Protein backbone atom coordinates (compact mmCIF):
# COMPACT_ATOMS: atom_id res chain seq x y z
CA MET A 1 12.18 15.99 15.97
CA ASN A 2 10.07 17.38 13.16
CA VAL A 3 9.03 15.36 10.10
CA LEU A 4 7.16 16.58 7.01
CA ILE A 5 5.64 13.95 4.72
CA ARG A 6 4.82 14.81 1.11
CA ALA A 7 2.45 12.22 -0.41
CA ASP A 8 -0.78 12.20 -2.44
CA ALA A 9 -3.90 10.07 -2.81
CA SER A 10 -6.38 10.39 -5.67
CA LEU A 11 -8.92 8.44 -7.67
CA VAL A 12 -6.20 7.90 -10.29
CA ILE A 13 -3.18 6.89 -8.18
CA GLY A 14 -5.17 5.29 -5.35
CA SER A 15 -4.50 5.45 -1.62
CA GLY A 16 -1.35 3.33 -1.27
CA HIS A 17 1.18 6.18 -0.97
CA VAL A 18 -0.71 7.95 1.78
CA MET A 19 -1.59 4.74 3.63
CA ARG A 20 1.99 3.51 3.88
CA CYS A 21 3.17 7.00 4.88
CA LEU A 22 0.46 7.04 7.52
CA THR A 23 1.87 3.82 8.95
CA LEU A 24 5.33 5.36 9.03
CA ALA A 25 3.91 8.52 10.62
CA ASP A 26 2.30 6.47 13.39
CA GLN A 27 5.64 4.76 14.08
CA LEU A 28 7.49 8.09 14.17
CA ARG A 29 4.90 9.72 16.41
CA SER A 30 5.13 6.79 18.83
CA LYS A 31 8.83 7.68 19.18
CA GLY A 32 8.01 11.29 20.03
CA MET A 33 8.46 12.87 16.60
CA ASN A 34 6.16 15.65 15.34
CA VAL A 35 4.71 14.70 11.96
CA ALA A 36 2.64 16.68 9.43
CA PHE A 37 1.45 15.95 5.88
CA VAL A 38 1.45 18.04 2.71
CA CYS A 39 -0.86 16.69 -0.03
CA ARG A 40 -2.38 17.92 -3.27
CA ASN A 41 -6.06 18.83 -3.11
CA VAL A 42 -7.43 16.46 -5.76
CA PRO A 43 -10.46 14.13 -6.00
CA GLY A 44 -9.82 11.06 -3.87
CA LYS A 45 -7.61 12.90 -1.38
CA MET A 46 -7.58 11.49 2.14
CA PHE A 47 -7.49 14.64 4.24
CA GLU A 48 -10.36 13.49 6.48
CA LEU A 49 -8.56 10.27 7.41
CA LEU A 50 -5.27 12.05 8.12
CA THR A 51 -7.02 14.69 10.21
CA ALA A 52 -9.02 12.04 12.08
CA ARG A 53 -5.75 10.32 12.95
CA GLY A 54 -4.52 13.59 14.48
CA TYR A 55 -2.11 14.83 11.79
CA GLN A 56 -1.83 18.39 10.57
CA THR A 57 -2.54 18.20 6.85
CA VAL A 58 -2.01 21.14 4.50
CA ALA A 59 -3.20 21.17 0.89
CA ILE A 60 -1.26 22.30 -2.15
CA GLU A 61 -3.67 24.08 -4.48
CA GLY A 62 -3.38 25.29 -8.04
CA ASN A 63 -1.62 24.29 -11.25
CA TRP A 64 1.05 21.71 -10.72
CA SER A 65 4.77 21.62 -11.54
CA GLN A 66 7.76 20.37 -9.58
CA GLN A 67 8.98 23.94 -9.08
CA PHE A 68 5.59 25.17 -7.87
CA ASP A 69 5.19 22.12 -5.63
CA ALA A 70 8.65 22.64 -4.10
CA GLU A 71 8.02 26.35 -3.42
CA GLU A 72 4.65 25.61 -1.82
CA THR A 73 6.14 22.81 0.31
CA ILE A 74 8.95 25.10 1.51
CA HIS A 75 6.39 27.76 2.43
CA ILE A 76 4.20 25.26 4.31
CA ALA A 77 7.18 23.68 6.10
CA GLY A 78 8.30 27.09 7.36
CA ARG A 79 4.83 27.79 8.68
CA LEU A 80 4.32 24.39 10.36
CA PHE A 81 7.84 23.99 11.73
CA PRO A 82 9.43 27.44 12.32
CA ASP A 83 12.24 25.81 14.32
CA GLY A 84 13.25 23.69 11.33
CA LEU A 85 12.81 20.18 9.93
CA ASP A 86 14.75 17.03 10.83
CA TRP A 87 13.28 14.91 8.02
CA ILE A 88 11.38 15.36 4.80
CA VAL A 89 9.80 12.12 3.56
CA VAL A 90 8.54 12.12 -0.02
CA ASP A 91 6.47 9.35 -1.60
CA ASN A 92 5.45 10.61 -5.03
CA TYR A 93 6.26 9.26 -8.51
CA GLU A 94 6.06 12.76 -10.06
CA LEU A 95 8.81 14.21 -7.87
CA ASP A 96 12.53 13.59 -8.41
CA ILE A 97 15.94 15.07 -7.68
CA ALA A 98 14.89 18.45 -9.11
CA TRP A 99 12.20 18.81 -6.42
CA GLU A 100 14.42 17.29 -3.74
CA SER A 101 17.30 19.69 -4.53
CA ARG A 102 15.05 22.69 -3.88
CA LEU A 103 14.03 21.29 -0.47
CA ARG A 104 17.51 20.09 0.51
CA ALA A 105 18.52 23.25 2.41
CA HIS A 106 15.33 23.14 4.50
CA THR A 107 15.87 19.80 6.28
CA ARG A 108 18.62 17.86 8.02
CA LYS A 109 17.74 14.54 6.39
CA PHE A 110 15.86 13.45 3.30
CA MET A 111 14.01 10.18 2.74
CA VAL A 112 12.44 8.89 -0.48
CA ILE A 113 9.91 6.06 -0.71
CA ASP A 114 9.91 4.65 -4.22
CA ASP A 115 8.88 1.58 -6.22
CA LEU A 116 9.88 2.52 -9.75
CA ALA A 117 13.67 2.98 -9.76
CA ASN A 118 13.27 5.10 -12.89
CA ARG A 119 14.71 8.51 -11.83
CA HIS A 120 17.49 10.09 -9.79
CA HIS A 121 17.08 11.02 -6.14
CA GLY A 122 19.12 13.29 -3.86
CA CYS A 123 18.29 11.58 -0.58
CA ASP A 124 19.98 10.22 2.56
CA LEU A 125 17.64 7.23 2.88
CA LEU A 126 15.66 5.34 0.26
CA LEU A 127 12.95 2.77 0.97
CA ASP A 128 11.59 0.33 -1.60
CA GLN A 129 9.70 -2.36 0.27
CA ASN A 130 8.83 -4.42 -2.80
CA TYR A 131 10.29 -7.72 -3.92
CA TYR A 132 12.16 -7.87 -7.24
CA ARG A 133 14.48 -10.49 -8.66
CA ASP A 134 17.12 -7.78 -9.25
CA LEU A 135 16.41 -5.88 -6.05
CA ASP A 136 20.05 -5.09 -5.19
CA GLN A 137 20.79 -3.58 -8.61
CA ARG A 138 17.74 -1.37 -9.25
CA TYR A 139 18.94 1.85 -7.62
CA LYS A 140 22.63 1.73 -8.57
CA GLY A 141 23.55 5.09 -10.07
CA LEU A 142 20.18 6.64 -9.14
CA VAL A 143 21.00 7.67 -5.53
CA PRO A 144 24.12 9.24 -3.95
CA GLU A 145 26.84 6.78 -2.91
CA GLN A 146 26.35 7.62 0.77
CA CYS A 147 22.59 7.02 0.59
CA ILE A 148 21.36 4.17 2.79
CA THR A 149 18.96 1.91 0.88
CA LEU A 150 16.33 -0.22 2.61
CA LEU A 151 15.23 -2.70 -0.05
CA GLY A 152 12.78 -5.57 0.04
CA PRO A 153 9.85 -6.89 2.09
CA SER A 154 11.94 -7.05 5.28
CA TYR A 155 11.31 -3.30 5.50
CA LEU A 156 7.53 -3.44 5.01
CA LEU A 157 5.61 -0.61 6.62
CA LEU A 158 2.92 -2.42 8.56
CA ARG A 159 0.60 -1.31 11.31
CA PRO A 160 1.05 -2.99 14.72
CA GLU A 161 -2.18 -4.97 14.35
CA PHE A 162 -0.64 -6.92 11.46
CA VAL A 163 2.33 -7.93 13.59
CA ALA A 164 -0.03 -8.99 16.38
CA GLU A 165 -2.18 -11.05 13.98
CA ARG A 166 0.85 -12.82 12.55
CA GLN A 167 1.87 -13.96 16.02
CA ARG A 168 -1.47 -15.76 16.49
CA LEU A 169 -1.97 -16.89 12.91
CA ARG A 170 -4.02 -20.06 12.41
CA ASN A 171 -2.92 -22.91 10.19
CA ARG A 172 -4.63 -22.55 6.83
CA ASP A 173 -5.89 -25.90 5.43
CA GLY A 174 -6.54 -24.62 1.89
CA VAL A 175 -10.33 -25.07 2.04
CA VAL A 176 -12.11 -21.90 0.85
CA ARG A 177 -14.98 -21.10 3.20
CA ARG A 178 -14.64 -17.33 3.21
CA ILE A 179 -13.32 -14.88 0.59
CA MET A 180 -12.29 -11.23 0.83
CA ILE A 181 -12.50 -8.82 -2.13
CA PHE A 182 -10.54 -5.59 -1.84
CA PHE A 183 -9.10 -3.66 -4.79
CA GLY A 184 -7.61 -0.75 -2.86
CA GLY A 185 -8.93 2.59 -1.68
CA SER A 186 -10.41 3.89 -4.93
CA ASP A 187 -10.90 0.96 -7.39
CA SER A 188 -11.35 3.39 -10.27
CA THR A 189 -12.36 0.68 -12.79
CA ASN A 190 -14.89 -0.97 -10.44
CA GLN A 191 -13.26 -4.38 -10.31
CA THR A 192 -15.31 -4.98 -7.16
CA LYS A 193 -18.48 -5.16 -9.27
CA LYS A 194 -16.83 -7.62 -11.68
CA ALA A 195 -15.83 -9.85 -8.76
CA ILE A 196 -19.37 -9.75 -7.35
CA GLU A 197 -20.72 -10.74 -10.78
CA ALA A 198 -18.18 -13.59 -10.84
CA LEU A 199 -19.41 -14.85 -7.49
CA ARG A 200 -22.97 -14.80 -8.77
CA LEU A 201 -21.88 -16.91 -11.74
CA LEU A 202 -20.38 -19.44 -9.33
CA ASN A 203 -23.56 -19.51 -7.22
CA ARG A 204 -21.75 -20.63 -4.06
CA SER A 205 -24.02 -19.35 -1.30
CA ASP A 206 -22.14 -21.57 1.17
CA ILE A 207 -19.05 -19.31 0.87
CA HIS A 208 -19.16 -16.03 2.79
CA VAL A 209 -17.62 -13.05 1.03
CA ASP A 210 -16.35 -9.84 2.62
CA ILE A 211 -16.58 -6.97 0.12
CA VAL A 212 -14.22 -4.19 1.25
CA ILE A 213 -13.95 -0.75 -0.35
CA GLY A 214 -12.25 2.52 0.59
CA SER A 215 -14.05 5.74 1.43
CA ALA A 216 -12.84 7.24 -1.88
CA ASN A 217 -14.51 4.52 -3.98
CA PRO A 218 -16.70 6.35 -6.53
CA PHE A 219 -18.99 3.31 -6.88
CA ARG A 220 -19.79 2.97 -3.19
CA ASN A 221 -23.59 3.22 -3.50
CA GLU A 222 -23.72 0.69 -6.31
CA ILE A 223 -21.50 -1.81 -4.47
CA GLU A 224 -23.45 -1.42 -1.24
CA ARG A 225 -26.72 -2.01 -3.12
CA LEU A 226 -25.37 -5.15 -4.83
CA CYS A 227 -24.25 -6.54 -1.48
CA SER A 228 -27.62 -5.86 0.10
CA THR A 229 -29.34 -8.12 -2.45
CA THR A 230 -27.17 -11.19 -1.77
CA SER A 231 -27.21 -12.84 1.64
CA ASN A 232 -23.62 -14.14 1.69
CA LEU A 233 -22.01 -10.80 0.72
CA ILE A 234 -20.90 -8.63 3.65
CA PHE A 235 -20.24 -4.95 2.83
CA HIS A 236 -17.40 -3.04 4.53
CA CYS A 237 -16.22 0.55 3.89
CA GLN A 238 -12.87 2.00 5.10
CA VAL A 239 -12.30 -0.72 7.66
CA SER A 240 -10.07 -0.27 10.70
CA ASN A 241 -9.66 -4.04 11.26
CA MET A 242 -8.01 -5.11 8.00
CA ALA A 243 -5.52 -7.42 9.73
CA GLU A 244 -8.35 -9.22 11.53
CA LEU A 245 -10.29 -9.57 8.26
CA ILE A 246 -7.28 -10.96 6.41
CA SER A 247 -6.70 -13.50 9.15
CA SER A 248 -10.31 -14.63 9.10
CA VAL A 249 -10.66 -15.38 5.37
CA ASP A 250 -9.24 -18.20 3.24
CA LEU A 251 -8.77 -16.50 -0.14
CA ALA A 252 -8.56 -12.91 -1.39
CA ILE A 253 -9.02 -11.18 -4.71
CA GLY A 254 -7.15 -7.90 -4.75
CA ALA A 255 -4.65 -5.46 -6.19
CA GLY A 256 -0.88 -5.74 -6.40
CA GLY A 257 0.06 -2.75 -4.27
CA SER A 258 0.55 -2.26 -0.54
CA SER A 259 -2.43 -4.49 0.19
CA MET A 260 -0.68 -7.40 -1.55
CA TRP A 261 2.07 -7.21 1.05
CA GLU A 262 -0.43 -7.13 3.88
CA ARG A 263 -1.99 -10.33 2.54
CA CYS A 264 1.39 -12.02 2.07
CA PHE A 265 2.49 -11.04 5.57
CA LEU A 266 -0.48 -12.90 7.02
CA GLY A 267 -0.14 -15.84 4.62
CA LEU A 268 -3.42 -15.18 2.82
CA PRO A 269 -3.51 -16.75 -0.67
CA SER A 270 -4.67 -14.22 -3.22
CA LEU A 271 -5.69 -13.81 -6.83
CA THR A 272 -3.85 -10.60 -7.67
CA VAL A 273 -4.38 -8.04 -10.44
CA VAL A 274 -2.51 -4.86 -11.32
CA PHE A 275 -3.95 -1.39 -11.94
CA ALA A 276 -0.75 0.50 -12.83
CA ALA A 277 2.61 -0.09 -14.49
CA ASN A 278 4.47 0.36 -11.20
CA GLN A 279 2.70 -2.73 -9.82
CA GLU A 280 3.42 -5.02 -12.75
CA GLN A 281 7.05 -6.11 -12.37
CA THR A 282 6.97 -6.74 -8.63
CA THR A 283 3.66 -8.61 -8.94
CA GLU A 284 5.11 -10.83 -11.66
CA ASP A 285 8.26 -11.45 -9.61
CA VAL A 286 6.26 -12.28 -6.48
CA ALA A 287 4.09 -14.66 -8.52
CA GLU A 288 7.26 -16.48 -9.61
CA THR A 289 7.97 -17.28 -5.95
CA GLY A 290 4.53 -18.92 -5.66
CA ALA A 291 3.34 -16.39 -3.05
CA ILE A 292 0.35 -15.17 -5.11
CA LYS A 293 -1.58 -16.15 -8.22
CA TYR A 294 -1.29 -13.35 -10.79
CA LEU A 295 -4.29 -12.77 -13.08
CA GLY A 296 -2.98 -9.83 -15.15
CA TRP A 297 -4.20 -6.27 -15.73
CA ALA A 298 -7.48 -5.53 -14.00
CA ASP A 299 -9.05 -3.64 -16.92
CA LYS A 300 -8.56 -6.65 -19.22
CA LEU A 301 -10.41 -9.11 -16.98
CA THR A 302 -14.09 -10.06 -17.22
CA PRO A 303 -16.41 -11.51 -14.57
CA VAL A 304 -15.98 -14.87 -16.31
CA ASP A 305 -12.18 -14.61 -15.89
CA TYR A 306 -12.58 -13.93 -12.19
CA ALA A 307 -15.12 -16.75 -11.82
CA PHE A 308 -12.80 -19.24 -13.50
CA ALA A 309 -9.86 -18.26 -11.29
CA ILE A 310 -11.90 -18.36 -8.08
CA ASN A 311 -13.41 -21.73 -8.97
CA GLU A 312 -9.94 -23.11 -9.71
CA MET A 313 -8.78 -22.13 -6.22
CA ILE A 314 -11.87 -23.58 -4.54
CA ALA A 315 -11.25 -26.89 -6.34
CA ASN A 316 -7.56 -27.08 -5.34
CA PRO A 317 -7.07 -26.80 -1.56
CA GLN A 318 -3.48 -28.04 -1.85
CA GLU A 319 -2.56 -25.20 -4.22
CA VAL A 320 -4.25 -22.69 -1.92
CA GLN A 321 -2.25 -24.04 1.00
CA ASN A 322 1.00 -23.94 -1.01
CA ILE A 323 0.43 -20.28 -1.92
CA SER A 324 -0.20 -19.47 1.74
CA CYS A 325 3.09 -21.09 2.80
CA ALA A 326 5.06 -19.33 0.05
CA ALA A 327 3.54 -15.93 0.95
CA HIS A 328 4.36 -16.37 4.61
CA LYS A 329 7.91 -17.46 3.79
CA LEU A 330 8.55 -14.56 1.37
CA ILE A 331 8.22 -11.93 4.09
CA GLY A 332 10.14 -13.83 6.76
CA GLU A 333 10.26 -13.08 10.47
CA ASN A 334 13.24 -10.71 10.69
CA ARG A 335 11.54 -7.44 9.83
CA VAL A 336 13.48 -4.21 10.25
CA SER A 337 11.95 -0.98 11.56
CA VAL A 338 12.24 1.94 9.13
CA SER A 339 11.47 4.41 11.91
CA ASP A 340 14.36 2.99 13.95
CA ALA A 341 16.69 3.55 11.00
CA MET A 342 15.53 7.17 10.69
CA PHE A 343 15.83 7.78 14.39
CA SER A 344 19.35 6.31 14.43
CA MET A 345 20.48 8.42 11.46
CA THR A 346 19.20 11.60 13.11
CA ARG A 347 20.84 10.76 16.43
CA ASP A 348 24.19 9.87 14.82
CA ASN A 349 24.33 12.99 12.67
């Protein structure tokens, strides 16, 4: 079976779309499917990572519009898969039913990954892996009646190492001995530096801190230099052992995107901020369950704000432990494989 994934990464939108599609691609490839990516060639793209993971990746160049994007994608699909496509998977907030309608005749099945529920889709399968209070109502009237919807954290796209780590998860006692800071692949507003300044204000050299950034982070040299001047800061770039890191730390400061779900899945308490409007509602709703502590919009926070929030967690082990339990409970054990659902739909067609 042939699958074409249309997703972008950039300094503006971050790496979350491509990273979760990469997880899905790995699952599909493990079932024998042929997978390729089509992405826009913009600053912050992740072509090197996709290529290193063995995926054909073709760039869309030039001025952008839905019509132009659709025509380019059709052309690329015909070149990569001359015997036809079984699935197109699209994970892009700028594309809607207009784009999907143009591609419809070129694939047997169509899948959309979305978080916003703010536009119509012409798909067979829709995935929104986020938690919302009104989860079951958000896509009513936005997708065809026959569309299968996979909604909620039970359908999280997670790499196998996260599942393995969860099976051997230690009991967290709420004491903060080690902290992880990770604001996603690009961190365009350099929240990492603010968090480092907050840690300096706290002056807790007894707490080890893992500073994690993505390869697209435009402040890499500055962050690496700051870490090199402080003995308890450990610098990491584009890690391949994120599940292991999450399991090893006691508290995280991070963004409310895909990485929030990775932290919740492994019961890691986190101080969570949002970078974009699409992260806000689900982050607020998750905070209401007690599974995270929500600090607000990243660009509004100062190092003093971060320092206050971190210090509050360090001083309250019981609250840290309660957040861990709520995060672990929110995801649950009965996760459902998205790739299995796709495979079944293709087989039954």
